[in-house]
Amino acid sequence: MDSEDRRRVLDPAQDGAALKALTHPLRLTLLGLLRQHGPATASELAARTGESSASTSYHLRVLAKYAFVAEADHRDSRERRWKSVHDMTSWSNEAMRRTPGGSTILGVLHRRQIEHLQRSLERHEADLESGRLSRDWQEPSGVSDAMPRLTPESLAELWEAFRAKTAELTARDAEDPRAEQVVLFTAGLALAPDPVADQRTDASAGPGVTDATGAADAS
């Protein structure tokens, strides 16, 4: 199936309720688990998350209501199995911010992603330490906080190049037994000039001095 067929693009003006449904942390967790590990029952997801099966069942039904998940083939008739309908959910940030309450929803979703990054980092480190991941993954894995100066058009081009290259490499490695699930977090957040920093003059600062958040690629 083409990667675009596995992406759901939400319209903030028409799909506000669906977007709001995604702001619940457990729903996002359940959706992520189904996308990462494939179909599962409410009980299986409860065991993974530490929640009750009643809670996971309820939130799965909410996700199904807004077409994020659907019933999968059942192993038996005793319990429903659920699957993710899409591999990715996206939206227009501009359209989101034009929609009443959209900026708040966008902020919540971004913070949920940061929480996911923290959990993923902790799991990555534990997997390397325990040997569940081979040492081959130690060098290429990492986090970057590069701070280039780009125009809006260049940032949009960078996003498109990243998506295209990711799709290309995913297809190339699809049948390679060495391939593992990789969690990719990318952020392109423009920052206006700091008015306080602009007013400061530090004659002692040489050309090699940078803000701590402008560290070199840490991967």
Protein backbone atom coordinates (compact mmCIF):
# COMPACT_ATOMS: atom_id res chain seq x y z
CA MET A 1 0.00 0.00 0.00
CA ASP A 2 1.29 3.49 -0.87
CA SER A 3 2.49 5.46 2.15
CA GLU A 4 0.07 8.28 1.36
CA ASP A 5 -2.81 5.81 1.64
CA ARG A 6 -1.69 5.09 5.20
CA ARG A 7 -1.80 8.74 6.25
CA ARG A 8 -4.95 10.38 7.58
CA VAL A 9 -5.08 14.13 7.05
CA LEU A 10 -7.51 15.82 9.42
CA ASP A 11 -9.29 19.08 8.61
CA PRO A 12 -9.41 21.14 11.83
CA ALA A 13 -12.60 22.88 10.67
CA GLN A 14 -14.41 19.57 10.08
CA ASP A 15 -12.59 17.16 12.41
CA GLY A 16 -12.31 19.21 15.60
CA ALA A 17 -13.91 16.51 17.74
CA ALA A 18 -11.54 13.88 16.37
CA LEU A 19 -8.52 16.07 17.08
CA LYS A 20 -9.77 16.77 20.60
CA ALA A 21 -10.19 13.03 21.16
CA LEU A 22 -6.48 12.59 20.44
CA THR A 23 -5.47 14.93 23.27
CA HIS A 24 -6.23 12.25 25.87
CA PRO A 25 -2.86 10.69 26.82
CA LEU A 26 -4.12 7.11 27.08
CA ARG A 27 -5.81 7.28 23.68
CA LEU A 28 -2.60 8.45 22.07
CA THR A 29 -0.71 5.68 23.86
CA LEU A 30 -3.17 3.02 22.69
CA LEU A 31 -3.08 4.29 19.12
CA GLY A 32 0.71 4.30 19.19
CA LEU A 33 0.86 0.73 20.52
CA LEU A 34 -1.47 -0.52 17.79
CA ARG A 35 0.59 1.22 15.14
CA GLN A 36 3.84 -0.12 16.52
CA HIS A 37 2.90 -3.68 17.48
CA GLY A 38 -0.18 -4.46 15.39
CA PRO A 39 -3.66 -5.64 16.41
CA ALA A 40 -4.41 -6.28 20.07
CA THR A 41 -7.31 -6.73 22.47
CA ALA A 42 -8.29 -4.30 25.21
CA SER A 43 -6.93 -6.76 27.79
CA GLU A 44 -3.57 -7.03 26.03
CA LEU A 45 -3.31 -3.25 25.87
CA ALA A 46 -4.32 -3.00 29.51
CA ALA A 47 -1.42 -5.26 30.44
CA ARG A 48 0.98 -3.09 28.43
CA THR A 49 -0.20 0.20 29.91
CA GLY A 50 -1.04 -0.80 33.47
CA GLU A 51 -4.63 0.39 32.99
CA SER A 52 -7.79 -1.63 33.54
CA SER A 53 -9.30 -3.44 30.57
CA ALA A 54 -12.50 -1.46 31.16
CA SER A 55 -10.55 1.77 30.67
CA THR A 56 -8.69 0.63 27.55
CA SER A 57 -11.91 -0.78 26.09
CA TYR A 58 -13.69 2.56 26.60
CA HIS A 59 -10.91 4.61 25.02
CA LEU A 60 -10.60 2.18 22.11
CA ARG A 61 -14.30 2.70 21.40
CA VAL A 62 -13.73 6.46 21.39
CA LEU A 63 -10.87 6.03 18.92
CA ALA A 64 -13.13 3.81 16.79
CA LYS A 65 -15.89 6.44 16.88
CA TYR A 66 -13.52 8.86 15.16
CA ALA A 67 -12.12 6.22 12.77
CA PHE A 68 -8.61 6.03 14.22
CA VAL A 69 -8.98 2.32 14.98
CA ALA A 70 -11.23 -0.46 13.71
CA GLU A 71 -11.97 -4.06 14.61
CA ALA A 72 -9.36 -6.52 13.37
CA ASP A 73 -9.74 -10.19 12.59
CA HIS A 74 -10.54 -12.11 15.78
CA ARG A 75 -8.63 -15.15 16.97
CA ASP A 76 -11.82 -16.26 18.70
CA SER A 77 -15.22 -14.82 19.55
CA ARG A 78 -14.47 -14.02 23.20
CA GLU A 79 -12.88 -10.57 22.82
CA ARG A 80 -12.53 -7.90 20.16
CA ARG A 81 -9.19 -7.25 18.55
CA TRP A 82 -8.41 -3.73 17.41
CA LYS A 83 -6.09 -2.34 14.73
CA SER A 84 -4.94 1.11 13.71
CA VAL A 85 -6.57 2.33 10.50
CA HIS A 86 -3.62 4.54 9.50
CA ASP A 87 0.12 4.71 10.12
CA MET A 88 0.14 8.46 10.59
CA THR A 89 -2.20 11.33 11.41
CA SER A 90 -1.46 14.85 10.16
CA TRP A 91 -3.10 18.25 9.78
CA SER A 92 -2.38 21.79 8.65
CA ASN A 93 -0.89 23.86 11.47
CA GLU A 94 -2.13 27.04 9.82
CA ALA A 95 -5.68 25.71 9.58
CA MET A 96 -5.46 24.44 13.15
CA ARG A 97 -4.53 27.86 14.51
CA ARG A 98 -7.42 29.47 12.60
CA THR A 99 -9.91 27.15 14.28
CA PRO A 100 -11.37 28.16 17.67
CA GLY A 101 -9.51 26.22 20.33
CA GLY A 102 -7.12 24.83 17.71
CA SER A 103 -4.00 26.43 19.19
CA THR A 104 -4.76 24.82 22.55
CA ILE A 105 -5.27 21.39 20.97
CA LEU A 106 -2.06 21.79 18.96
CA GLY A 107 -0.12 22.66 22.11
CA VAL A 108 -1.49 19.62 23.94
CA LEU A 109 -0.62 17.30 21.05
CA HIS A 110 2.91 18.67 20.86
CA ARG A 111 3.39 18.11 24.58
CA ARG A 112 2.10 14.56 24.28
CA GLN A 113 4.79 14.00 21.64
CA ILE A 114 7.47 15.36 23.99
CA GLU A 115 6.27 12.91 26.66
CA HIS A 116 6.54 10.12 24.08
CA LEU A 117 10.10 11.22 23.32
CA GLN A 118 11.03 10.96 26.99
CA ARG A 119 9.55 7.45 27.28
CA SER A 120 11.23 6.38 24.05
CA LEU A 121 14.62 7.65 25.21
CA GLU A 122 14.32 5.76 28.49
CA ARG A 123 13.34 2.56 26.69
CA HIS A 124 16.15 2.97 24.13
CA GLU A 125 18.75 3.32 26.86
CA ALA A 126 17.36 0.32 28.74
CA ASP A 127 17.29 -1.81 25.58
CA LEU A 128 20.94 -1.02 24.84
CA GLU A 129 22.00 -1.64 28.43
CA SER A 130 20.17 -4.98 28.63
CA GLY A 131 21.41 -6.21 25.26
CA ARG A 132 17.94 -6.33 23.71
CA LEU A 133 19.40 -4.01 21.07
CA SER A 134 22.74 -4.84 19.50
CA ARG A 135 25.64 -2.41 19.87
CA ASP A 136 25.31 -1.69 16.14
CA TRP A 137 22.55 0.75 17.11
CA GLN A 138 24.67 2.70 19.58
CA GLU A 139 26.47 4.96 17.10
CA PRO A 140 23.62 5.91 14.71
CA SER A 141 21.08 6.52 17.49
CA GLY A 142 20.88 9.92 19.10
CA VAL A 143 19.16 13.28 19.50
CA SER A 144 20.04 16.46 17.64
CA ASP A 145 19.35 20.07 18.55
CA ALA A 146 20.88 21.78 15.52
CA MET A 147 19.78 25.39 14.99
CA PRO A 148 20.16 26.39 11.31
CA ARG A 149 18.86 29.70 9.94
CA LEU A 150 16.23 28.95 7.27
CA THR A 151 13.42 30.67 5.41
CA PRO A 152 9.86 29.31 5.75
CA GLU A 153 10.19 27.85 2.24
CA SER A 154 13.45 26.09 3.10
CA LEU A 155 11.97 24.60 6.27
CA ALA A 156 9.00 23.29 4.27
CA GLU A 157 11.43 21.81 1.72
CA LEU A 158 13.42 20.17 4.50
CA TRP A 159 10.28 18.52 5.90
CA GLU A 160 9.36 17.17 2.45
CA ALA A 161 12.87 15.83 1.86
CA PHE A 162 12.82 14.14 5.26
CA ARG A 163 9.46 12.47 4.56
CA ALA A 164 10.58 11.29 1.12
CA LYS A 165 13.87 9.87 2.38
CA THR A 166 12.17 8.14 5.31
CA ALA A 167 9.69 6.47 2.93
CA GLU A 168 12.53 5.41 0.63
CA LEU A 169 14.61 3.83 3.39
CA THR A 170 11.58 2.17 5.01
CA ALA A 171 10.75 0.47 1.71
CA ARG A 172 14.39 -0.55 1.20
CA ASP A 173 14.69 -2.14 4.65
CA ALA A 174 11.25 -3.77 4.71
CA GLU A 175 12.59 -7.31 4.23
CA ASP A 176 15.90 -6.91 6.08
CA PRO A 177 15.87 -9.06 9.27
CA ARG A 178 18.21 -6.57 10.97
CA ALA A 179 15.63 -3.78 10.77
CA GLU A 180 14.17 -2.62 14.08
CA GLN A 181 11.40 -0.21 15.01
CA VAL A 182 12.94 3.27 15.05
CA VAL A 183 11.22 6.18 16.80
CA LEU A 184 11.94 9.36 14.82
CA PHE A 185 11.20 12.72 16.40
CA THR A 186 11.73 15.82 14.30
CA ALA A 187 11.00 19.43 15.20
CA GLY A 188 11.29 22.55 13.09
CA LEU A 189 10.35 25.44 15.38
CA ALA A 190 11.15 28.96 14.25
CA LEU A 191 12.20 31.33 17.06
CA ALA A 192 11.89 35.10 16.91
CA PRO A 193 14.93 37.10 18.02
CA ASP A 194 15.29 37.24 21.79
CA PRO A 195 14.68 40.89 22.72
CA VAL A 196 16.63 40.53 25.95
CA ALA A 197 19.63 38.95 24.21
CA ASP A 198 19.55 41.65 21.53
CA GLN A 199 19.92 44.31 24.22
CA ARG A 200 22.93 42.64 25.81
CA THR A 201 26.48 43.44 24.79
CA ASP A 202 29.12 41.07 26.07
CA ALA A 203 32.51 42.20 24.87
CA SER A 204 34.15 39.11 26.34
CA ALA A 205 32.18 36.69 24.21
CA GLY A 206 34.24 35.37 21.34
CA PRO A 207 32.92 34.08 18.02
CA GLY A 208 32.82 30.50 19.29
CA VAL A 209 30.39 31.18 22.16
CA THR A 210 26.83 29.89 21.61
CA ASP A 211 23.70 29.37 23.65
CA ALA A 212 23.73 25.97 25.37
CA THR A 213 20.66 24.91 23.36
CA GLY A 214 22.57 25.45 20.14
CA ALA A 215 24.86 22.49 20.76
CA ALA A 216 26.20 20.51 17.87
CA ASP A 217 24.49 17.36 16.62
CA ALA A 218 24.48 14.98 19.57
CA SER A 219 23.97 11.78 17.61
